[in-house]
């Protein structure tokens, strides 16, 4: 809390030492956020507002990045037609509510709504901080206020998206579980049904104390990749075929990498179904009411 004094305690959200052993599993998930539709059209904007119970202390880590010389708004803006944009997380402290989603997957509907509300509260407070706090550089405040929520989007939800951006959930266990060795070509992929290509990315899962002095983001990484074969195995669930299923795997402590959807996969739907019938015993497949085949 007090810079330079470890005995003063930790900022909100920072995990204390000791941390789990390298390679061990945990409940960490790639952080979630709301991908916003912002506009720079002043005639079509909704103002930034502070959420109820706003506490600037929650954003002290953000403010310290500016104290250390950061000079840009920590977001990624992709321009779209009509002066609008798709805005996503970008930076060590940004729209992602790091650590706030670890209970999401196993939560019931009511609990998930509470988790989503906490994400919205974080993001609203972050943007209010960026737009108004005196420790934020003037040019950053100006850029934050130049882009605001589009008034004609999500009109029944105050300009906020109806759904949170769920980057990953459960790991799919099938006849093949892909890992980094498959993507890098160290292990052969049998039965390809298409091609896939996207950068290898790792989105932050936790903020952790490192060396008793520093908050470490574990870890954000982007690495270029090449097109590779997409095998049939990871797409074969026990009961239903998901021809456009995303293949994901954990590769680091408290971080995740992801492989995005590939090409030509939906055209292989029937082939997937046929293979699924071959791989799984008929006793494990429910029988459809309108079909004599277990699928």
Protein backbone atom coordinates (compact mmCIF):
# COMPACT_ATOMS: atom_id res chain seq x y z
CA UNK A 1 0.00 0.00 0.00
CA UNK A 2 2.80 2.39 0.94
CA UNK A 3 5.35 2.30 -1.92
CA UNK A 4 8.67 0.98 -0.68
CA UNK A 5 7.27 -0.46 2.57
CA UNK A 6 6.32 -4.16 2.25
CA UNK A 7 5.02 -4.13 5.83
CA UNK A 8 2.22 -1.71 4.88
CA UNK A 9 0.18 -4.46 3.19
CA UNK A 10 -0.94 -5.17 -0.35
CA UNK A 11 -3.11 -3.26 -2.76
CA UNK A 12 -6.60 -4.67 -3.49
CA UNK A 13 -6.52 -7.78 -5.66
CA UNK A 14 -2.82 -8.60 -5.21
CA UNK A 15 -2.20 -12.23 -4.20
CA UNK A 16 0.35 -12.65 -1.40
CA UNK A 17 3.24 -15.07 -1.41
CA UNK A 18 3.80 -18.01 -1.36
CA UNK A 19 2.29 -18.90 -4.74
CA UNK A 20 1.41 -22.36 -6.06
CA UNK A 21 4.27 -24.38 -7.49
CA UNK A 22 5.08 -23.86 -11.16
CA UNK A 23 3.05 -26.24 -13.28
CA UNK A 24 0.40 -26.92 -10.66
CA UNK A 25 -3.26 -26.38 -11.46
CA UNK A 26 -5.53 -23.73 -10.00
CA UNK A 27 -8.91 -22.14 -10.70
CA UNK A 28 -7.39 -19.29 -12.68
CA UNK A 29 -9.10 -18.26 -15.91
CA UNK A 30 -8.18 -15.72 -18.53
CA UNK A 31 -9.74 -12.49 -17.29
CA UNK A 32 -13.15 -11.35 -18.56
CA UNK A 33 -14.36 -7.87 -19.48
CA UNK A 34 -17.04 -6.05 -21.44
CA UNK A 35 -16.04 -5.30 -25.02
CA UNK A 36 -17.47 -1.83 -25.49
CA UNK A 37 -18.90 -0.06 -28.50
CA UNK A 38 -17.53 3.48 -28.21
CA UNK A 39 -17.89 6.44 -30.53
CA UNK A 40 -16.04 9.72 -31.01
CA UNK A 41 -19.21 11.41 -32.30
CA UNK A 42 -20.11 13.98 -29.58
CA UNK A 43 -23.75 13.95 -30.72
CA UNK A 44 -24.06 10.22 -30.04
CA UNK A 45 -22.31 9.75 -26.70
CA UNK A 46 -23.21 8.75 -23.16
CA UNK A 47 -21.08 10.30 -20.40
CA UNK A 48 -18.73 8.32 -18.17
CA UNK A 49 -20.15 8.05 -14.66
CA UNK A 50 -18.78 6.77 -11.36
CA UNK A 51 -20.40 3.52 -10.19
CA UNK A 52 -22.14 3.40 -6.83
CA UNK A 53 -19.58 3.02 -4.06
CA UNK A 54 -16.69 4.05 -6.31
CA UNK A 55 -13.35 3.83 -4.50
CA UNK A 56 -10.28 5.21 -6.31
CA UNK A 57 -8.05 3.04 -4.09
CA UNK A 58 -9.09 0.03 -6.18
CA UNK A 59 -7.26 1.62 -9.11
CA UNK A 60 -4.05 2.53 -7.31
CA UNK A 61 -2.07 0.06 -9.44
CA UNK A 62 -3.40 1.83 -12.55
CA UNK A 63 -2.44 5.22 -11.16
CA UNK A 64 1.06 4.01 -10.36
CA UNK A 65 1.55 3.02 -13.99
CA UNK A 66 1.01 6.68 -14.85
CA UNK A 67 3.30 7.75 -12.02
CA UNK A 68 5.90 5.54 -13.70
CA UNK A 69 5.53 7.22 -17.09
CA UNK A 70 2.63 5.53 -18.90
CA UNK A 71 1.07 8.02 -21.29
CA UNK A 72 -1.75 6.26 -23.15
CA UNK A 73 -5.25 4.95 -22.47
CA UNK A 74 -4.94 1.23 -21.66
CA UNK A 75 -7.41 -0.05 -24.22
CA UNK A 76 -7.38 -1.34 -27.79
CA UNK A 77 -9.70 0.49 -30.19
CA UNK A 78 -10.66 -1.15 -33.49
CA UNK A 79 -12.53 1.34 -35.64
CA UNK A 80 -15.81 0.39 -37.26
CA UNK A 81 -18.19 2.26 -39.61
CA UNK A 82 -20.25 5.24 -38.46
CA UNK A 83 -17.53 6.56 -36.14
CA UNK A 84 -17.91 3.57 -33.82
CA UNK A 85 -15.41 1.07 -32.49
CA UNK A 86 -14.88 -2.31 -30.84
CA UNK A 87 -12.88 -1.68 -27.66
CA UNK A 88 -11.05 -4.41 -25.75
CA UNK A 89 -8.57 -4.74 -22.90
CA UNK A 90 -4.99 -3.64 -23.54
CA UNK A 91 -2.39 -3.12 -20.84
CA UNK A 92 -1.33 -4.31 -17.42
CA UNK A 93 -4.31 -2.61 -15.74
CA UNK A 94 -7.23 -2.25 -18.11
CA UNK A 95 -10.85 -3.30 -18.64
CA UNK A 96 -10.17 -6.92 -17.65
CA UNK A 97 -11.25 -7.59 -14.06
CA UNK A 98 -8.29 -9.83 -13.25
CA UNK A 99 -9.14 -12.61 -10.82
CA UNK A 100 -12.82 -11.72 -10.68
CA UNK A 101 -13.99 -14.68 -12.74
CA UNK A 102 -12.38 -17.64 -10.98
CA UNK A 103 -15.72 -18.88 -9.58
CA UNK A 104 -17.74 -18.14 -12.73
CA UNK A 105 -17.71 -21.57 -14.37
CA UNK A 106 -19.17 -23.51 -11.44
CA UNK A 107 -21.47 -20.71 -10.28
CA UNK A 108 -25.26 -20.91 -10.58
CA UNK A 109 -27.24 -18.30 -12.52
CA UNK A 110 -27.67 -15.98 -9.54
CA UNK A 111 -23.99 -16.17 -8.64
CA UNK A 112 -22.97 -15.53 -12.24
CA UNK A 113 -25.10 -12.41 -12.36
CA UNK A 114 -23.32 -11.17 -9.24
CA UNK A 115 -19.91 -11.87 -10.81
CA UNK A 116 -20.97 -10.04 -13.97
CA UNK A 117 -22.16 -7.08 -11.88
CA UNK A 118 -18.75 -6.95 -10.17
CA UNK A 119 -17.05 -6.89 -13.58
CA UNK A 120 -19.27 -4.01 -14.67
CA UNK A 121 -18.52 -2.11 -11.45
CA UNK A 122 -14.76 -2.56 -12.01
CA UNK A 123 -14.91 -1.38 -15.61
CA UNK A 124 -17.12 1.62 -14.87
CA UNK A 125 -14.79 2.67 -12.07
CA UNK A 126 -11.73 2.20 -14.24
CA UNK A 127 -13.11 4.43 -16.98
CA UNK A 128 -14.23 7.05 -14.48
CA UNK A 129 -10.70 7.06 -13.06
CA UNK A 130 -9.15 7.41 -16.52
CA UNK A 131 -11.53 10.24 -17.39
CA UNK A 132 -11.28 12.31 -14.20
CA UNK A 133 -8.47 11.43 -11.79
CA UNK A 134 -5.82 14.17 -11.41
CA UNK A 135 -2.98 11.60 -11.37
CA UNK A 136 -3.94 10.51 -14.88
CA UNK A 137 -2.04 12.53 -17.51
CA UNK A 138 -4.08 15.23 -19.20
CA UNK A 139 -3.73 13.67 -22.66
CA UNK A 140 -4.99 10.32 -21.33
CA UNK A 141 -8.00 11.97 -19.73
CA UNK A 142 -8.70 13.79 -22.98
CA UNK A 143 -8.53 10.59 -25.05
CA UNK A 144 -10.78 8.76 -22.58
CA UNK A 145 -13.38 11.51 -22.85
CA UNK A 146 -13.09 11.69 -26.64
CA UNK A 147 -14.37 8.12 -26.86
CA UNK A 148 -17.56 7.31 -24.99
CA UNK A 149 -20.36 4.75 -25.13
CA UNK A 150 -22.52 5.02 -28.23
CA UNK A 151 -25.97 6.25 -27.23
CA UNK A 152 -27.68 4.28 -30.01
CA UNK A 153 -26.15 0.92 -29.05
CA UNK A 154 -27.52 -1.32 -26.29
CA UNK A 155 -30.16 1.31 -25.70
CA UNK A 156 -31.93 -0.79 -23.06
CA UNK A 157 -28.71 -1.29 -21.06
CA UNK A 158 -27.24 2.21 -20.75
CA UNK A 159 -24.90 1.58 -23.68
CA UNK A 160 -23.23 -1.45 -22.09
CA UNK A 161 -23.15 -4.83 -23.87
CA UNK A 162 -25.71 -7.38 -22.73
CA UNK A 163 -23.10 -10.10 -22.39
CA UNK A 164 -19.69 -10.26 -20.75
CA UNK A 165 -16.69 -11.37 -22.83
CA UNK A 166 -16.06 -14.93 -21.62
CA UNK A 167 -12.64 -15.78 -23.01
CA UNK A 168 -12.52 -19.36 -21.78
CA UNK A 169 -14.39 -21.80 -19.62
CA UNK A 170 -14.06 -25.52 -19.10
CA UNK A 171 -11.32 -27.51 -20.73
CA UNK A 172 -12.71 -30.02 -23.19
CA UNK A 173 -11.50 -33.56 -22.56
CA UNK A 174 -11.88 -35.78 -25.61
CA UNK A 175 -9.94 -38.43 -27.49
CA UNK A 176 -7.24 -35.78 -28.02
CA UNK A 177 -6.41 -32.86 -25.71
CA UNK A 178 -4.35 -30.33 -27.62
CA UNK A 179 -1.39 -28.63 -26.02
CA UNK A 180 1.44 -26.34 -27.03
CA UNK A 181 3.45 -29.22 -28.51
CA UNK A 182 0.69 -29.91 -31.05
CA UNK A 183 0.50 -26.30 -32.17
CA UNK A 184 4.27 -25.95 -32.47
CA UNK A 185 4.42 -29.10 -34.59
CA UNK A 186 6.35 -31.21 -32.07
CA UNK A 187 3.51 -33.74 -31.94
CA UNK A 188 1.74 -35.02 -35.06
CA UNK A 189 -1.93 -34.17 -35.46
CA UNK A 190 -3.83 -37.10 -36.95
CA UNK A 191 -7.18 -36.91 -38.77
CA UNK A 192 -7.10 -33.20 -39.73
CA UNK A 193 -10.46 -31.74 -40.74
CA UNK A 194 -9.39 -28.15 -41.42
CA UNK A 195 -6.87 -25.44 -40.78
CA UNK A 196 -6.58 -23.00 -37.89
CA UNK A 197 -4.53 -19.87 -37.45
CA UNK A 198 -4.31 -17.20 -34.78
CA UNK A 199 -1.62 -15.73 -32.61
CA UNK A 200 -0.74 -17.64 -29.45
CA UNK A 201 -2.07 -15.42 -26.70
CA UNK A 202 -1.99 -15.51 -22.92
CA UNK A 203 -4.37 -13.23 -21.04
CA UNK A 204 -3.74 -12.41 -17.39
CA UNK A 205 -5.37 -14.56 -14.70
CA UNK A 206 -4.04 -13.05 -11.46
CA UNK A 207 -2.09 -10.18 -9.98
CA UNK A 208 0.60 -11.69 -7.77
CA UNK A 209 3.20 -10.29 -5.41
CA UNK A 210 6.73 -10.92 -6.65
CA UNK A 211 9.94 -10.53 -4.63
CA UNK A 212 7.98 -8.75 -1.86
CA UNK A 213 8.07 -5.49 -3.82
CA UNK A 214 6.43 -5.82 -7.23
CA UNK A 215 3.00 -6.77 -8.52
CA UNK A 216 3.47 -9.26 -11.33
CA UNK A 217 0.94 -9.82 -14.08
CA UNK A 218 0.94 -13.55 -14.75
CA UNK A 219 1.10 -13.23 -17.66
CA UNK A 220 0.12 -11.40 -20.84
CA UNK A 221 1.78 -12.71 -23.97
CA UNK A 222 1.22 -12.48 -27.71
CA UNK A 223 3.23 -14.54 -30.16
CA UNK A 224 2.79 -14.80 -33.91
CA UNK A 225 1.96 -18.23 -35.28
CA UNK A 226 1.46 -19.96 -38.59
CA UNK A 227 -1.49 -21.85 -40.01
CA UNK A 228 -1.72 -25.40 -38.74
CA UNK A 229 -3.88 -28.48 -39.06
CA UNK A 230 -6.96 -28.78 -36.89
CA UNK A 231 -7.58 -32.41 -35.82
CA UNK A 232 -10.94 -34.05 -35.32
CA UNK A 233 -10.18 -35.47 -31.87
CA UNK A 234 -10.61 -32.34 -29.70
CA UNK A 235 -14.06 -31.73 -31.24
CA UNK A 236 -15.57 -35.05 -30.17
CA UNK A 237 -17.71 -34.77 -27.02
CA UNK A 238 -19.54 -37.73 -25.51
CA UNK A 239 -23.04 -36.71 -26.53
CA UNK A 240 -23.09 -33.90 -29.07
CA UNK A 241 -20.89 -32.68 -31.90
CA UNK A 242 -19.42 -29.17 -31.75
CA UNK A 243 -17.83 -28.64 -35.18
CA UNK A 244 -16.78 -25.07 -34.39
CA UNK A 245 -15.58 -25.74 -30.86
CA UNK A 246 -12.63 -23.63 -29.71
CA UNK A 247 -9.62 -25.67 -28.66
CA UNK A 248 -8.00 -24.25 -25.54
CA UNK A 249 -5.37 -25.40 -23.15
CA UNK A 250 -3.54 -24.21 -20.08
CA UNK A 251 0.18 -23.75 -20.59
CA UNK A 252 1.47 -21.71 -17.66
CA UNK A 253 0.79 -21.19 -14.00
CA UNK A 254 -2.18 -18.79 -13.69
CA UNK A 255 -2.23 -18.05 -17.44
CA UNK A 256 -3.85 -19.54 -20.51
CA UNK A 257 -3.17 -19.64 -24.17
CA UNK A 258 -5.87 -19.96 -26.78
CA UNK A 259 -6.27 -21.21 -30.33
CA UNK A 260 -9.05 -19.53 -32.24
CA UNK A 261 -11.59 -21.19 -34.58
CA UNK A 262 -10.26 -22.54 -37.84
CA UNK A 263 -11.43 -22.70 -41.42
CA UNK A 264 -13.50 -25.41 -43.10
CA UNK A 265 -14.61 -26.90 -39.79
CA UNK A 266 -18.36 -26.49 -40.13
CA UNK A 267 -18.24 -28.28 -43.48
CA UNK A 268 -16.92 -31.29 -41.57
CA UNK A 269 -19.93 -31.52 -39.25
CA UNK A 270 -21.17 -34.82 -40.65
CA UNK A 271 -17.65 -36.25 -40.61
CA UNK A 272 -17.40 -35.25 -36.95
CA UNK A 273 -20.68 -36.96 -36.17
CA UNK A 274 -19.60 -40.14 -37.93
CA UNK A 275 -16.30 -40.17 -36.06
CA UNK A 276 -18.06 -39.50 -32.77
CA UNK A 277 -20.23 -42.56 -33.29
CA UNK A 278 -17.10 -44.60 -33.90
CA UNK A 279 -15.13 -43.31 -30.91
CA UNK A 280 -17.74 -43.47 -28.14
CA UNK A 281 -19.59 -46.65 -27.07
CA UNK A 282 -23.27 -46.65 -28.01
CA UNK A 283 -24.23 -47.08 -24.37
CA UNK A 284 -22.92 -43.60 -23.58
CA UNK A 285 -24.86 -41.86 -26.37
CA UNK A 286 -28.45 -40.73 -25.73
CA UNK A 287 -31.05 -41.63 -28.36
CA UNK A 288 -32.75 -38.68 -30.04
CA UNK A 289 -36.55 -38.72 -29.93
CA UNK A 290 -36.82 -38.05 -33.66
CA UNK A 291 -33.90 -40.22 -34.77
CA UNK A 292 -33.26 -43.97 -34.38
CA UNK A 293 -29.50 -43.37 -34.11
CA UNK A 294 -27.77 -42.60 -30.82
CA UNK A 295 -25.93 -39.31 -31.31
